[in-house]
């Protein structure tokens, strides 16, 4: 698949699961699992337009609330190369069982590295 108009449901499900794992897992209980999911060269462009390093992302993932949940929708996936996927989606937080109306558009680049898909880049843009 090489463009937004031909989504592969199985591919979308696999990468949606990866994104949900990052957002919903309590990594304070399994910190070593982060090395399986995060590329060594990971960085992020934050919603306020600053660069965030891998170590800052790891610190956030270890400290985030274990009860916070997100609704992820509108997935689009582009195969940039056989080992690189661009994943775009809408993320809205869930508070008291209700999905918040505003959220963020997110883009992730996943690279197949050391026999598994790892997040190499992420950006969130508030909407």
N, C-alpha and C. Protein backbone atom coordinates (compact mmCIF):
# COMPACT_ATOMS: atom_id res chain seq x y z
N UNK A 1 0.85 -1.18 0.00
CA UNK A 1 0.00 0.00 0.00
C UNK A 1 0.89 1.23 0.00
N UNK A 2 0.55 2.21 -0.84
CA UNK A 2 1.41 3.37 -0.92
C UNK A 2 0.68 4.71 -0.90
N UNK A 3 -0.62 4.72 -0.60
CA UNK A 3 -1.31 6.00 -0.45
C UNK A 3 -2.54 5.86 0.44
N UNK A 4 -3.10 6.99 0.82
CA UNK A 4 -4.19 7.02 1.79
C UNK A 4 -5.48 6.39 1.30
N UNK A 5 -5.67 6.26 0.00
CA UNK A 5 -6.96 5.83 -0.54
C UNK A 5 -7.19 4.32 -0.51
N UNK A 6 -6.20 3.52 -0.18
CA UNK A 6 -6.39 2.07 -0.17
C UNK A 6 -5.96 1.48 1.17
N UNK A 7 -6.74 1.75 2.21
CA UNK A 7 -6.35 1.24 3.52
C UNK A 7 -6.45 -0.28 3.59
N UNK A 8 -5.52 -0.88 4.24
CA UNK A 8 -5.52 -2.31 4.51
C UNK A 8 -5.93 -2.44 5.98
N UNK A 9 -7.12 -2.99 6.21
CA UNK A 9 -7.66 -3.06 7.58
C UNK A 9 -6.72 -3.78 8.54
N UNK A 10 -6.10 -4.86 8.08
CA UNK A 10 -5.17 -5.59 8.95
C UNK A 10 -3.96 -4.76 9.32
N UNK A 11 -3.43 -4.03 8.36
CA UNK A 11 -2.28 -3.16 8.61
C UNK A 11 -2.67 -2.04 9.58
N UNK A 12 -3.81 -1.44 9.37
CA UNK A 12 -4.28 -0.39 10.26
C UNK A 12 -4.45 -0.93 11.67
N UNK A 13 -5.05 -2.10 11.80
CA UNK A 13 -5.25 -2.70 13.14
C UNK A 13 -3.92 -2.94 13.85
N UNK A 14 -2.92 -3.43 13.11
CA UNK A 14 -1.61 -3.72 13.73
C UNK A 14 -0.94 -2.44 14.25
N UNK A 15 -1.00 -1.37 13.46
CA UNK A 15 -0.34 -0.14 13.90
C UNK A 15 -1.19 0.62 14.91
N UNK A 16 -2.51 0.51 14.83
CA UNK A 16 -3.36 1.09 15.87
C UNK A 16 -3.05 0.43 17.21
N UNK A 17 -2.86 -0.88 17.18
CA UNK A 17 -2.52 -1.60 18.41
C UNK A 17 -1.18 -1.12 18.98
N UNK A 18 -0.21 -0.87 18.13
CA UNK A 18 1.09 -0.37 18.60
C UNK A 18 0.93 1.01 19.26
N UNK A 19 0.18 1.89 18.59
CA UNK A 19 -0.04 3.24 19.15
C UNK A 19 -0.79 3.15 20.48
N UNK A 20 -1.81 2.30 20.55
CA UNK A 20 -2.55 2.13 21.81
C UNK A 20 -1.68 1.54 22.90
N UNK A 21 -0.80 0.62 22.53
CA UNK A 21 0.12 0.04 23.52
C UNK A 21 0.97 1.15 24.15
N UNK A 22 1.49 2.04 23.33
CA UNK A 22 2.31 3.13 23.87
C UNK A 22 1.50 4.04 24.80
N UNK A 23 0.26 4.32 24.42
CA UNK A 23 -0.55 5.23 25.23
C UNK A 23 -1.17 4.58 26.46
N UNK A 24 -1.50 3.28 26.40
CA UNK A 24 -2.28 2.66 27.46
C UNK A 24 -1.50 1.75 28.41
N UNK A 25 -0.28 1.41 28.08
CA UNK A 25 0.49 0.50 28.93
C UNK A 25 1.11 1.25 30.10
N UNK A 26 1.07 0.63 31.26
CA UNK A 26 1.74 1.16 32.45
C UNK A 26 3.19 0.70 32.39
N UNK A 27 4.04 1.49 31.76
CA UNK A 27 5.44 1.11 31.57
C UNK A 27 6.24 1.17 32.86
N UNK A 28 5.71 1.80 33.91
CA UNK A 28 6.42 1.78 35.19
C UNK A 28 6.54 0.35 35.69
N UNK A 29 5.63 -0.51 35.28
CA UNK A 29 5.66 -1.93 35.65
C UNK A 29 6.57 -2.74 34.72
N UNK A 30 6.78 -2.25 33.48
CA UNK A 30 7.55 -2.98 32.47
C UNK A 30 8.47 -2.04 31.70
N UNK A 31 9.40 -1.33 32.36
CA UNK A 31 10.21 -0.34 31.65
C UNK A 31 11.07 -0.91 30.52
N UNK A 32 11.48 -2.16 30.62
CA UNK A 32 12.31 -2.76 29.57
C UNK A 32 11.53 -2.92 28.27
N UNK A 33 10.21 -2.96 28.37
CA UNK A 33 9.38 -3.12 27.17
C UNK A 33 9.53 -1.93 26.23
N UNK A 34 9.90 -0.78 26.77
CA UNK A 34 10.07 0.41 25.95
C UNK A 34 11.14 0.23 24.88
N UNK A 35 12.20 -0.49 25.20
CA UNK A 35 13.25 -0.73 24.21
C UNK A 35 12.76 -1.57 23.04
N UNK A 36 11.72 -2.37 23.26
CA UNK A 36 11.13 -3.15 22.17
C UNK A 36 10.29 -2.27 21.24
N UNK A 37 9.73 -1.19 21.78
CA UNK A 37 8.80 -0.36 21.02
C UNK A 37 9.41 0.92 20.46
N UNK A 38 10.48 1.41 21.08
CA UNK A 38 11.05 2.70 20.70
C UNK A 38 12.39 2.54 20.00
N UNK A 39 12.51 3.16 18.85
CA UNK A 39 13.76 3.15 18.08
C UNK A 39 14.83 3.93 18.86
N UNK A 40 16.08 3.52 18.79
CA UNK A 40 17.15 4.24 19.52
C UNK A 40 17.25 5.72 19.12
N UNK A 41 16.86 6.08 17.89
CA UNK A 41 16.97 7.46 17.41
C UNK A 41 15.64 8.22 17.48
N UNK A 42 14.70 7.74 18.29
CA UNK A 42 13.40 8.37 18.41
C UNK A 42 13.49 9.83 18.83
N UNK A 43 12.66 10.67 18.20
CA UNK A 43 12.43 12.03 18.67
C UNK A 43 11.02 12.43 18.28
N UNK A 44 10.58 13.55 18.84
CA UNK A 44 9.21 14.00 18.64
C UNK A 44 9.21 15.50 18.41
N UNK A 45 8.22 15.96 17.64
CA UNK A 45 7.92 17.38 17.57
C UNK A 45 6.65 17.55 18.39
N UNK A 46 6.73 18.32 19.47
CA UNK A 46 5.62 18.46 20.41
C UNK A 46 4.53 19.36 19.84
N UNK A 47 3.37 19.38 20.48
CA UNK A 47 2.28 20.26 20.01
C UNK A 47 2.64 21.75 20.03
N UNK A 48 3.63 22.12 20.83
CA UNK A 48 4.03 23.54 20.86
C UNK A 48 5.23 23.81 19.95
N UNK A 49 5.64 22.80 19.17
CA UNK A 49 6.67 23.01 18.16
C UNK A 49 8.09 22.86 18.64
N UNK A 50 8.32 22.15 19.74
CA UNK A 50 9.67 21.92 20.21
C UNK A 50 10.07 20.47 19.98
N UNK A 51 11.35 20.21 19.92
CA UNK A 51 11.84 18.84 19.81
C UNK A 51 11.85 18.19 21.19
N UNK A 52 11.47 16.94 21.21
CA UNK A 52 11.50 16.15 22.43
C UNK A 52 12.41 14.95 22.17
N UNK A 53 13.35 14.71 23.06
CA UNK A 53 14.32 13.62 22.88
C UNK A 53 13.72 12.28 23.31
N UNK A 54 14.40 11.23 22.93
CA UNK A 54 13.96 9.88 23.32
C UNK A 54 13.91 9.77 24.84
N UNK A 55 14.91 10.29 25.52
CA UNK A 55 14.92 10.18 26.99
C UNK A 55 13.75 10.93 27.62
N UNK A 56 13.36 12.08 27.05
CA UNK A 56 12.20 12.80 27.55
C UNK A 56 10.90 12.04 27.29
N UNK A 57 10.81 11.40 26.14
CA UNK A 57 9.64 10.58 25.79
C UNK A 57 9.54 9.40 26.75
N UNK A 58 10.67 8.74 26.99
CA UNK A 58 10.69 7.61 27.93
C UNK A 58 10.25 8.07 29.32
N UNK A 59 10.75 9.21 29.78
CA UNK A 59 10.36 9.72 31.10
C UNK A 59 8.85 9.97 31.16
N UNK A 60 8.27 10.53 30.09
CA UNK A 60 6.83 10.77 30.06
C UNK A 60 6.06 9.44 30.09
N UNK A 61 6.51 8.46 29.29
CA UNK A 61 5.82 7.17 29.25
C UNK A 61 5.88 6.45 30.60
N UNK A 62 6.98 6.60 31.33
CA UNK A 62 7.10 5.97 32.64
C UNK A 62 6.27 6.68 33.71
N UNK A 63 6.04 7.98 33.53
CA UNK A 63 5.35 8.76 34.56
C UNK A 63 3.86 8.98 34.28
N UNK A 64 3.40 8.71 33.07
CA UNK A 64 2.01 9.00 32.72
C UNK A 64 1.04 8.18 33.56
N UNK A 65 -0.17 8.68 33.68
CA UNK A 65 -1.20 8.00 34.45
C UNK A 65 -1.54 6.65 33.84
N UNK A 66 -1.58 5.64 34.67
CA UNK A 66 -1.92 4.28 34.20
C UNK A 66 -3.40 4.16 33.86
N UNK A 67 -4.20 5.13 34.29
CA UNK A 67 -5.65 5.06 34.04
C UNK A 67 -6.10 5.91 32.87
N UNK A 68 -5.24 6.81 32.36
CA UNK A 68 -5.62 7.67 31.23
C UNK A 68 -5.85 6.82 29.99
N UNK A 69 -6.93 7.08 29.30
CA UNK A 69 -7.25 6.36 28.07
C UNK A 69 -7.49 7.35 26.94
N UNK A 70 -7.30 6.86 25.72
CA UNK A 70 -7.41 7.67 24.51
C UNK A 70 -8.29 6.94 23.50
N UNK A 71 -9.03 7.72 22.75
CA UNK A 71 -9.77 7.21 21.61
C UNK A 71 -8.96 7.55 20.37
N UNK A 72 -8.58 6.54 19.61
CA UNK A 72 -7.79 6.75 18.39
C UNK A 72 -8.68 6.41 17.20
N UNK A 73 -8.70 7.31 16.21
CA UNK A 73 -9.58 7.11 15.06
C UNK A 73 -8.95 7.71 13.80
N UNK A 74 -9.65 7.56 12.69
CA UNK A 74 -9.26 8.14 11.40
C UNK A 74 -7.84 7.74 11.00
N UNK A 75 -7.52 6.47 11.13
CA UNK A 75 -6.18 6.00 10.80
C UNK A 75 -5.92 6.04 9.30
N UNK A 76 -4.75 6.51 8.96
CA UNK A 76 -4.25 6.50 7.59
C UNK A 76 -2.82 5.98 7.66
N UNK A 77 -2.46 5.10 6.73
CA UNK A 77 -1.12 4.53 6.74
C UNK A 77 -0.53 4.62 5.35
N UNK A 78 0.74 5.01 5.29
CA UNK A 78 1.47 5.08 4.03
C UNK A 78 2.75 4.28 4.20
N UNK A 79 2.98 3.34 3.31
CA UNK A 79 4.24 2.60 3.31
C UNK A 79 5.27 3.45 2.57
N UNK A 80 6.23 3.99 3.32
CA UNK A 80 7.27 4.83 2.74
C UNK A 80 8.40 4.01 2.13
N UNK A 81 8.64 2.85 2.70
CA UNK A 81 9.62 1.88 2.22
C UNK A 81 9.21 0.55 2.84
N UNK A 82 9.84 -0.53 2.43
CA UNK A 82 9.43 -1.84 2.96
C UNK A 82 9.63 -1.94 4.47
N UNK A 83 10.48 -1.09 5.03
CA UNK A 83 10.73 -1.14 6.48
C UNK A 83 10.33 0.16 7.19
N UNK A 84 9.53 1.02 6.53
CA UNK A 84 9.14 2.30 7.13
C UNK A 84 7.66 2.57 6.84
N UNK A 85 6.90 2.82 7.90
CA UNK A 85 5.48 3.14 7.78
C UNK A 85 5.18 4.49 8.41
N UNK A 86 4.40 5.30 7.70
CA UNK A 86 3.88 6.54 8.24
C UNK A 86 2.46 6.26 8.70
N UNK A 87 2.18 6.55 9.98
CA UNK A 87 0.86 6.31 10.57
C UNK A 87 0.30 7.65 11.04
N UNK A 88 -0.88 8.01 10.55
CA UNK A 88 -1.54 9.26 10.93
C UNK A 88 -2.90 8.92 11.52
N UNK A 89 -3.30 9.67 12.56
CA UNK A 89 -4.58 9.40 13.21
C UNK A 89 -5.00 10.56 14.09
N UNK A 90 -6.26 10.52 14.50
CA UNK A 90 -6.82 11.47 15.45
C UNK A 90 -6.79 10.83 16.83
N UNK A 91 -6.36 11.58 17.85
CA UNK A 91 -6.35 11.10 19.24
C UNK A 91 -7.14 12.07 20.11
N UNK A 92 -8.07 11.52 20.87
CA UNK A 92 -8.85 12.30 21.81
C UNK A 92 -8.81 11.60 23.17
N UNK A 93 -8.58 12.36 24.22
CA UNK A 93 -8.54 11.76 25.55
C UNK A 93 -9.96 11.39 25.98
N UNK A 94 -10.03 10.40 26.86
CA UNK A 94 -11.30 9.95 27.42
C UNK A 94 -11.28 10.32 28.90
N UNK A 95 -12.26 11.12 29.32
CA UNK A 95 -12.36 11.56 30.72
C UNK A 95 -13.74 11.20 31.25
N UNK A 96 -13.77 10.48 32.35
CA UNK A 96 -15.03 10.05 32.96
C UNK A 96 -15.91 9.31 31.95
N UNK A 97 -15.28 8.51 31.10
CA UNK A 97 -16.02 7.71 30.13
C UNK A 97 -16.48 8.46 28.89
N UNK A 98 -16.14 9.75 28.79
CA UNK A 98 -16.56 10.56 27.65
C UNK A 98 -15.34 10.97 26.83
N UNK A 99 -15.47 10.85 25.50
CA UNK A 99 -14.39 11.24 24.60
C UNK A 99 -14.41 12.77 24.47
N UNK A 100 -13.29 13.38 24.76
CA UNK A 100 -13.16 14.84 24.65
C UNK A 100 -13.28 15.24 23.18
N UNK A 101 -14.00 16.33 22.90
CA UNK A 101 -14.23 16.75 21.52
C UNK A 101 -12.97 17.21 20.82
N UNK A 102 -12.11 17.94 21.52
CA UNK A 102 -10.86 18.39 20.90
C UNK A 102 -9.76 17.40 21.24
N UNK A 103 -8.79 17.32 20.39
CA UNK A 103 -7.69 16.40 20.60
C UNK A 103 -6.49 16.81 19.79
N UNK A 104 -5.87 15.83 19.14
CA UNK A 104 -4.71 16.14 18.33
C UNK A 104 -4.64 15.20 17.13
N UNK A 105 -4.15 15.74 16.04
CA UNK A 105 -3.79 14.91 14.89
C UNK A 105 -2.37 14.45 15.14
N UNK A 106 -2.13 13.17 14.92
CA UNK A 106 -0.82 12.62 15.22
C UNK A 106 -0.23 11.91 14.01
N UNK A 107 1.08 12.00 13.91
CA UNK A 107 1.82 11.31 12.86
C UNK A 107 2.97 10.57 13.52
N UNK A 108 3.14 9.32 13.13
CA UNK A 108 4.25 8.51 13.65
C UNK A 108 4.95 7.84 12.48
N UNK A 109 6.24 7.72 12.61
CA UNK A 109 7.01 6.92 11.66
C UNK A 109 7.53 5.71 12.42
N UNK A 110 7.15 4.54 11.94
CA UNK A 110 7.58 3.27 12.50
C UNK A 110 8.57 2.63 11.55
N UNK A 111 9.71 2.18 12.10
CA UNK A 111 10.75 1.53 11.30
C UNK A 111 10.94 0.11 11.79
N UNK A 112 11.05 -0.82 10.85
CA UNK A 112 11.31 -2.21 11.20
C UNK A 112 12.80 -2.30 11.52
N UNK A 113 13.11 -2.58 12.80
CA UNK A 113 14.48 -2.53 13.30
C UNK A 113 14.68 -3.68 14.29
N UNK A 114 15.74 -4.45 14.10
CA UNK A 114 16.03 -5.60 14.98
C UNK A 114 14.83 -6.54 15.09
N UNK A 115 14.24 -6.86 13.94
CA UNK A 115 13.14 -7.83 13.81
C UNK A 115 11.82 -7.39 14.43
N UNK A 116 11.65 -6.08 14.66
CA UNK A 116 10.35 -5.60 15.15
C UNK A 116 10.14 -4.14 14.75
N UNK A 117 8.88 -3.74 14.73
CA UNK A 117 8.54 -2.36 14.42
C UNK A 117 8.78 -1.50 15.65
N UNK A 118 9.51 -0.39 15.43
CA UNK A 118 9.81 0.54 16.53
C UNK A 118 9.49 1.96 16.09
N UNK A 119 8.96 2.72 17.02
CA UNK A 119 8.62 4.12 16.76
C UNK A 119 9.91 4.93 16.64
N UNK A 120 10.08 5.63 15.50
CA UNK A 120 11.28 6.44 15.30
C UNK A 120 10.98 7.94 15.34
N UNK A 121 9.76 8.32 15.00
CA UNK A 121 9.39 9.74 15.00
C UNK A 121 7.92 9.87 15.37
N UNK A 122 7.59 10.96 16.08
CA UNK A 122 6.20 11.23 16.43
C UNK A 122 5.96 12.73 16.45
N UNK A 123 4.76 13.14 16.02
CA UNK A 123 4.35 14.54 16.11
C UNK A 123 2.88 14.60 16.45
N UNK A 124 2.53 15.51 17.34
CA UNK A 124 1.13 15.75 17.70
C UNK A 124 0.81 17.21 17.46
N UNK A 125 -0.29 17.46 16.76
CA UNK A 125 -0.73 18.81 16.47
C UNK A 125 -2.14 18.99 17.03
N UNK A 126 -2.32 19.88 17.98
CA UNK A 126 -3.64 20.06 18.61
C UNK A 126 -4.64 20.56 17.57
N UNK A 127 -5.89 20.06 17.73
CA UNK A 127 -6.96 20.53 16.84
C UNK A 127 -8.24 20.71 17.63
